[in-house]
Amino acid sequence: MRHGRDGAAAAMNAASRVLTARGKHEPQELDNPDVTWAARASEGVWAPTKDGQRVHIRIDCPAGDRTATVLRPSLRVFVGIEVDTDIVAQTTQNGVRLLTVIHGSNAPTEFRFPVRLADGLALEAMPSGGFDVVHMRYGATVGRFYSPWCSDSMFLPVKADYVFDGSAIVMRVPHHGAAYPVVADPLYAR
């Protein structure tokens, strides 16, 4: 079992390879004082909306009490949050990304991210497969969960999508038959 800095390094290596292959248009890691990370995966992160409110995104997993390996203020790794699964959590200029690194076929194919919104905000499904955070009074989009992308270690696309289940966005990644590690990218931005 991988753990600590060794596990964090393996997850970072996998995520970095895929992000590099995807090119320079990916959101870059950046320290953002409007983003607040909790210590544990189950407590998640608070990210800003365009109207000054916050979105609370948690990671619902068996090892939810696991603390992050903090590499920099804007980068942390939750090692072993699921079977054969790590999450590389990045702060970006406008939000957060939760790079889900799947290391083997025993990993789950669904990942739950419970979302709590401030009063007056709602999630609205978009044709792209993502979700907009909408200010109900004005009808304005104040944040967005972009549709997830996913790639295997051969840089081949792997299907990934979202469904909404109660108060959680569930990312589905049918990764069986892919070349591991597989990296999927839930991204939230204001």
C-alpha atoms as a PDB file:
ATOM      1  CA  MET A   1       0.000   0.000   0.000  1.00  0.00           C
ATOM      2  CA  ARG A   2       1.276   3.450  -0.915  1.00  0.00           C
ATOM      3  CA  HIS A   3       1.056   6.146   1.719  1.00  0.00           C
ATOM      4  CA  GLY A   4       2.564   9.439   2.829  1.00  0.00           C
ATOM      5  CA  ARG A   5       5.002  11.242   0.563  1.00  0.00           C
ATOM      6  CA  ASP A   6       5.635   8.134  -1.611  1.00  0.00           C
ATOM      7  CA  GLY A   7       1.934   7.835  -2.435  1.00  0.00           C
ATOM      8  CA  ALA A   8       1.668  11.583  -2.981  1.00  0.00           C
ATOM      9  CA  ALA A   9       4.638  11.473  -5.365  1.00  0.00           C
ATOM     10  CA  ALA A  10       3.088   8.622  -7.379  1.00  0.00           C
ATOM     11  CA  ALA A  11      -0.240  10.460  -7.668  1.00  0.00           C
ATOM     12  CA  MET A  12       1.489  13.731  -8.604  1.00  0.00           C
ATOM     13  CA  ASN A  13       3.593  11.991 -11.245  1.00  0.00           C
ATOM     14  CA  ALA A  14       0.525  10.435 -12.888  1.00  0.00           C
ATOM     15  CA  ALA A  15      -1.460  13.672 -12.805  1.00  0.00           C
ATOM     16  CA  SER A  16       1.471  15.753 -14.082  1.00  0.00           C
ATOM     17  CA  ARG A  17       2.088  13.475 -17.065  1.00  0.00           C
ATOM     18  CA  VAL A  18      -1.527  13.689 -18.188  1.00  0.00           C
ATOM     19  CA  LEU A  19      -1.800  17.459 -17.616  1.00  0.00           C
ATOM     20  CA  THR A  20       1.421  18.052 -19.562  1.00  0.00           C
ATOM     21  CA  ALA A  21       0.097  15.985 -22.469  1.00  0.00           C
ATOM     22  CA  ARG A  22      -3.181  17.945 -22.440  1.00  0.00           C
ATOM     23  CA  GLY A  23      -1.312  21.192 -23.079  1.00  0.00           C
ATOM     24  CA  LYS A  24      -0.966  24.725 -21.857  1.00  0.00           C
ATOM     25  CA  HIS A  25      -4.673  25.586 -21.824  1.00  0.00           C
ATOM     26  CA  GLU A  26      -5.278  23.703 -18.577  1.00  0.00           C
ATOM     27  CA  PRO A  27      -6.004  25.871 -15.505  1.00  0.00           C
ATOM     28  CA  GLN A  28      -2.761  26.374 -13.653  1.00  0.00           C
ATOM     29  CA  GLU A  29      -2.156  25.777  -9.975  1.00  0.00           C
ATOM     30  CA  LEU A  30      -2.115  29.102  -8.157  1.00  0.00           C
ATOM     31  CA  ASP A  31      -2.432  30.213  -4.562  1.00  0.00           C
ATOM     32  CA  ASN A  32      -5.896  31.769  -4.143  1.00  0.00           C
ATOM     33  CA  PRO A  33      -6.790  33.281  -0.752  1.00  0.00           C
ATOM     34  CA  ASP A  34     -10.504  32.865  -1.550  1.00  0.00           C
ATOM     35  CA  VAL A  35     -10.135  29.059  -1.472  1.00  0.00           C
ATOM     36  CA  THR A  36     -10.070  27.312   1.922  1.00  0.00           C
ATOM     37  CA  TRP A  37      -9.090  23.649   2.210  1.00  0.00           C
ATOM     38  CA  ALA A  38     -10.038  21.563   5.229  1.00  0.00           C
ATOM     39  CA  ALA A  39      -7.557  19.084   6.639  1.00  0.00           C
ATOM     40  CA  ARG A  40      -9.637  15.995   5.813  1.00  0.00           C
ATOM     41  CA  ALA A  41     -11.079  14.743   2.530  1.00  0.00           C
ATOM     42  CA  SER A  42     -14.604  14.470   3.962  1.00  0.00           C
ATOM     43  CA  GLU A  43     -14.479  18.124   5.022  1.00  0.00           C
ATOM     44  CA  GLY A  44     -13.438  19.207   1.528  1.00  0.00           C
ATOM     45  CA  VAL A  45     -12.941  22.734   0.266  1.00  0.00           C
ATOM     46  CA  TRP A  46     -14.751  26.073   0.182  1.00  0.00           C
ATOM     47  CA  ALA A  47     -14.408  27.853  -3.159  1.00  0.00           C
ATOM     48  CA  PRO A  48     -15.644  31.303  -4.216  1.00  0.00           C
ATOM     49  CA  THR A  49     -18.499  32.216  -6.529  1.00  0.00           C
ATOM     50  CA  LYS A  50     -18.586  35.312  -8.765  1.00  0.00           C
ATOM     51  CA  ASP A  51     -21.049  37.011  -6.409  1.00  0.00           C
ATOM     52  CA  GLY A  52     -18.811  36.653  -3.331  1.00  0.00           C
ATOM     53  CA  GLN A  53     -20.502  33.599  -1.826  1.00  0.00           C
ATOM     54  CA  ARG A  54     -18.932  30.177  -1.372  1.00  0.00           C
ATOM     55  CA  VAL A  55     -19.481  26.645  -2.608  1.00  0.00           C
ATOM     56  CA  HIS A  56     -18.561  23.789  -0.246  1.00  0.00           C
ATOM     57  CA  ILE A  57     -17.322  20.668  -2.077  1.00  0.00           C
ATOM     58  CA  ARG A  58     -16.589  17.512  -0.094  1.00  0.00           C
ATOM     59  CA  ILE A  59     -15.008  14.220  -1.073  1.00  0.00           C
ATOM     60  CA  ASP A  60     -17.295  11.363  -0.024  1.00  0.00           C
ATOM     61  CA  CYS A  61     -15.114   8.292   0.380  1.00  0.00           C
ATOM     62  CA  PRO A  62     -14.382   5.417   2.791  1.00  0.00           C
ATOM     63  CA  ALA A  63     -11.155   7.099   3.945  1.00  0.00           C
ATOM     64  CA  GLY A  64     -12.817  10.485   4.450  1.00  0.00           C
ATOM     65  CA  ASP A  65     -11.010  11.053   7.731  1.00  0.00           C
ATOM     66  CA  ARG A  66      -7.684  10.840   5.909  1.00  0.00           C
ATOM     67  CA  THR A  67      -5.662  14.045   6.038  1.00  0.00           C
ATOM     68  CA  ALA A  68      -3.932  15.486   3.013  1.00  0.00           C
ATOM     69  CA  THR A  69      -0.240  15.465   2.302  1.00  0.00           C
ATOM     70  CA  VAL A  70       0.251  19.209   1.776  1.00  0.00           C
ATOM     71  CA  LEU A  71       2.972  19.824  -0.799  1.00  0.00           C
ATOM     72  CA  ARG A  72       2.341  23.579  -1.125  1.00  0.00           C
ATOM     73  CA  PRO A  73      -0.491  25.832   0.058  1.00  0.00           C
ATOM     74  CA  SER A  74      -2.097  25.414  -3.378  1.00  0.00           C
ATOM     75  CA  LEU A  75      -1.453  21.670  -3.767  1.00  0.00           C
ATOM     76  CA  ARG A  76      -2.365  18.701  -1.597  1.00  0.00           C
ATOM     77  CA  VAL A  77      -2.764  14.978  -2.175  1.00  0.00           C
ATOM     78  CA  PHE A  78      -5.296  12.687  -0.504  1.00  0.00           C
ATOM     79  CA  VAL A  79      -3.560   9.309  -0.779  1.00  0.00           C
ATOM     80  CA  GLY A  80      -5.661   6.135  -0.663  1.00  0.00           C
ATOM     81  CA  ILE A  81      -9.066   7.793  -0.368  1.00  0.00           C
ATOM     82  CA  GLU A  82     -10.584   4.793  -2.152  1.00  0.00           C
ATOM     83  CA  VAL A  83      -9.190   1.437  -3.244  1.00  0.00           C
ATOM     84  CA  ASP A  84      -6.420   2.162  -5.791  1.00  0.00           C
ATOM     85  CA  THR A  85      -7.423   5.846  -5.834  1.00  0.00           C
ATOM     86  CA  ASP A  86      -5.793   9.140  -4.848  1.00  0.00           C
ATOM     87  CA  ILE A  87      -6.952  12.726  -5.321  1.00  0.00           C
ATOM     88  CA  VAL A  88      -4.541  15.509  -6.237  1.00  0.00           C
ATOM     89  CA  ALA A  89      -6.306  18.689  -5.083  1.00  0.00           C
ATOM     90  CA  GLN A  90      -5.204  21.930  -6.714  1.00  0.00           C
ATOM     91  CA  THR A  91      -6.154  25.503  -6.056  1.00  0.00           C
ATOM     92  CA  THR A  92      -6.494  27.484  -9.288  1.00  0.00           C
ATOM     93  CA  GLN A  93      -6.931  31.184  -9.961  1.00  0.00           C
ATOM     94  CA  ASN A  94     -10.717  30.805 -10.146  1.00  0.00           C
ATOM     95  CA  GLY A  95     -11.481  27.674  -8.123  1.00  0.00           C
ATOM     96  CA  VAL A  96     -10.336  24.121  -7.542  1.00  0.00           C
ATOM     97  CA  ARG A  97      -9.672  20.879  -9.354  1.00  0.00           C
ATOM     98  CA  LEU A  98      -9.846  17.419  -7.845  1.00  0.00           C
ATOM     99  CA  LEU A  99      -7.657  15.300 -10.105  1.00  0.00           C
ATOM    100  CA  THR A 100      -8.787  11.755  -9.387  1.00  0.00           C
ATOM    101  CA  VAL A 101      -5.956   9.289 -10.013  1.00  0.00           C
ATOM    102  CA  ILE A 102      -7.103   5.688 -10.500  1.00  0.00           C
ATOM    103  CA  HIS A 103      -4.236   3.212 -10.145  1.00  0.00           C
ATOM    104  CA  GLY A 104      -5.905  -0.120 -10.918  1.00  0.00           C
ATOM    105  CA  SER A 105      -8.950  -2.139 -11.892  1.00  0.00           C
ATOM    106  CA  ASN A 106     -10.106  -2.565  -8.273  1.00  0.00           C
ATOM    107  CA  ALA A 107     -10.805   1.161  -7.984  1.00  0.00           C
ATOM    108  CA  PRO A 108     -14.459   2.250  -7.949  1.00  0.00           C
ATOM    109  CA  THR A 109     -16.099   3.604 -11.082  1.00  0.00           C
ATOM    110  CA  GLU A 110     -18.102   6.292  -9.258  1.00  0.00           C
ATOM    111  CA  PHE A 111     -16.818   9.143  -7.115  1.00  0.00           C
ATOM    112  CA  ARG A 112     -19.128  11.316  -4.969  1.00  0.00           C
ATOM    113  CA  PHE A 113     -18.578  15.011  -4.393  1.00  0.00           C
ATOM    114  CA  PRO A 114     -21.317  16.384  -2.091  1.00  0.00           C
ATOM    115  CA  VAL A 115     -21.939  20.063  -2.780  1.00  0.00           C
ATOM    116  CA  ARG A 116     -23.450  22.603  -0.412  1.00  0.00           C
ATOM    117  CA  LEU A 117     -24.467  25.954  -1.840  1.00  0.00           C
ATOM    118  CA  ALA A 118     -25.216  29.252  -0.137  1.00  0.00           C
ATOM    119  CA  ASP A 119     -28.849  30.345   0.132  1.00  0.00           C
ATOM    120  CA  GLY A 120     -30.197  31.590  -3.183  1.00  0.00           C
ATOM    121  CA  LEU A 121     -27.877  29.426  -5.290  1.00  0.00           C
ATOM    122  CA  ALA A 122     -28.798  26.255  -7.193  1.00  0.00           C
ATOM    123  CA  LEU A 123     -27.109  23.706  -9.455  1.00  0.00           C
ATOM    124  CA  GLU A 124     -28.397  23.544 -13.009  1.00  0.00           C
ATOM    125  CA  ALA A 125     -27.405  20.743 -15.406  1.00  0.00           C
ATOM    126  CA  MET A 126     -25.860  21.962 -18.652  1.00  0.00           C
ATOM    127  CA  PRO A 127     -25.961  20.327 -22.110  1.00  0.00           C
ATOM    128  CA  SER A 128     -22.147  20.054 -21.941  1.00  0.00           C
ATOM    129  CA  GLY A 129     -22.465  17.565 -19.067  1.00  0.00           C
ATOM    130  CA  GLY A 130     -21.348  20.013 -16.383  1.00  0.00           C
ATOM    131  CA  PHE A 131     -23.330  21.965 -13.816  1.00  0.00           C
ATOM    132  CA  ASP A 132     -23.708  25.713 -13.456  1.00  0.00           C
ATOM    133  CA  VAL A 133     -24.065  27.333 -10.049  1.00  0.00           C
ATOM    134  CA  VAL A 134     -26.920  29.768 -10.664  1.00  0.00           C
ATOM    135  CA  HIS A 135     -28.026  32.743  -8.580  1.00  0.00           C
ATOM    136  CA  MET A 136     -31.776  32.067  -8.374  1.00  0.00           C
ATOM    137  CA  ARG A 137     -32.880  35.699  -8.027  1.00  0.00           C
ATOM    138  CA  TYR A 138     -30.912  37.057 -10.989  1.00  0.00           C
ATOM    139  CA  GLY A 139     -30.532  33.926 -13.106  1.00  0.00           C
ATOM    140  CA  ALA A 140     -26.795  34.589 -13.409  1.00  0.00           C
ATOM    141  CA  THR A 141     -24.175  31.844 -13.509  1.00  0.00           C
ATOM    142  CA  VAL A 142     -21.804  32.495 -10.593  1.00  0.00           C
ATOM    143  CA  GLY A 143     -19.764  29.274 -10.781  1.00  0.00           C
ATOM    144  CA  ARG A 144     -19.384  26.152 -12.890  1.00  0.00           C
ATOM    145  CA  PHE A 145     -18.522  22.489 -12.500  1.00  0.00           C
ATOM    146  CA  TYR A 146     -17.059  21.790 -15.938  1.00  0.00           C
ATOM    147  CA  SER A 147     -17.844  18.453 -17.547  1.00  0.00           C
ATOM    148  CA  PRO A 148     -15.118  16.024 -16.516  1.00  0.00           C
ATOM    149  CA  TRP A 149     -12.419  14.803 -18.827  1.00  0.00           C
ATOM    150  CA  CYS A 150     -10.515  11.577 -18.294  1.00  0.00           C
ATOM    151  CA  SER A 151      -7.389  10.061 -19.820  1.00  0.00           C
ATOM    152  CA  ASP A 152      -5.383   6.893 -19.314  1.00  0.00           C
ATOM    153  CA  SER A 153      -1.594   6.533 -19.132  1.00  0.00           C
ATOM    154  CA  MET A 154      -1.430   6.144 -22.928  1.00  0.00           C
ATOM    155  CA  PHE A 155      -3.172   9.551 -23.203  1.00  0.00           C
ATOM    156  CA  LEU A 156      -6.266   7.929 -24.660  1.00  0.00           C
ATOM    157  CA  PRO A 157      -9.599   9.414 -23.592  1.00  0.00           C
ATOM    158  CA  VAL A 158     -11.679   7.457 -21.102  1.00  0.00           C
ATOM    159  CA  LYS A 159     -15.379   8.218 -20.865  1.00  0.00           C
ATOM    160  CA  ALA A 160     -16.342  10.242 -17.789  1.00  0.00           C
ATOM    161  CA  ASP A 161     -19.571  12.000 -16.930  1.00  0.00           C
ATOM    162  CA  TYR A 162     -21.569  13.473 -14.056  1.00  0.00           C
ATOM    163  CA  VAL A 163     -24.944  12.635 -12.597  1.00  0.00           C
ATOM    164  CA  PHE A 164     -26.610  14.453  -9.739  1.00  0.00           C
ATOM    165  CA  ASP A 165     -27.666  12.342  -6.770  1.00  0.00           C
ATOM    166  CA  GLY A 166     -29.417  14.216  -3.965  1.00  0.00           C
ATOM    167  CA  SER A 167     -26.880  16.824  -2.944  1.00  0.00           C
ATOM    168  CA  ALA A 168     -23.848  15.222  -4.589  1.00  0.00           C
ATOM    169  CA  ILE A 169     -22.276  15.399  -8.011  1.00  0.00           C
ATOM    170  CA  VAL A 170     -21.248  11.852  -8.890  1.00  0.00           C
ATOM    171  CA  MET A 171     -18.462  11.425 -11.412  1.00  0.00           C
ATOM    172  CA  ARG A 172     -18.718   8.132 -13.282  1.00  0.00           C
ATOM    173  CA  VAL A 173     -15.535   6.718 -14.815  1.00  0.00           C
ATOM    174  CA  PRO A 174     -15.886   3.256 -16.419  1.00  0.00           C
ATOM    175  CA  HIS A 175     -12.115   2.690 -16.452  1.00  0.00           C
ATOM    176  CA  HIS A 176     -11.932  -1.101 -16.868  1.00  0.00           C
ATOM    177  CA  GLY A 177      -9.696  -2.004 -19.799  1.00  0.00           C
ATOM    178  CA  ALA A 178      -7.839   1.348 -19.668  1.00  0.00           C
ATOM    179  CA  ALA A 179      -4.075   1.655 -19.225  1.00  0.00           C
ATOM    180  CA  TYR A 180      -3.426   2.665 -15.598  1.00  0.00           C
ATOM    181  CA  PRO A 181      -3.070   5.093 -14.048  1.00  0.00           C
ATOM    182  CA  VAL A 182      -6.211   6.842 -15.249  1.00  0.00           C
ATOM    183  CA  VAL A 183      -6.681  10.516 -14.392  1.00  0.00           C
ATOM    184  CA  ALA A 184     -10.106  12.211 -14.269  1.00  0.00           C
ATOM    185  CA  ASP A 185     -10.583  15.913 -13.635  1.00  0.00           C
ATOM    186  CA  PRO A 186     -13.505  17.418 -11.778  1.00  0.00           C
ATOM    187  CA  LEU A 187     -12.944  21.183 -12.105  1.00  0.00           C
ATOM    188  CA  TYR A 188     -14.898  23.968 -10.408  1.00  0.00           C
ATOM    189  CA  ALA A 189     -14.348  27.636 -11.321  1.00  0.00           C
ATOM    190  CA  ARG A 190     -16.189  30.843 -10.560  1.00  0.00           C
END
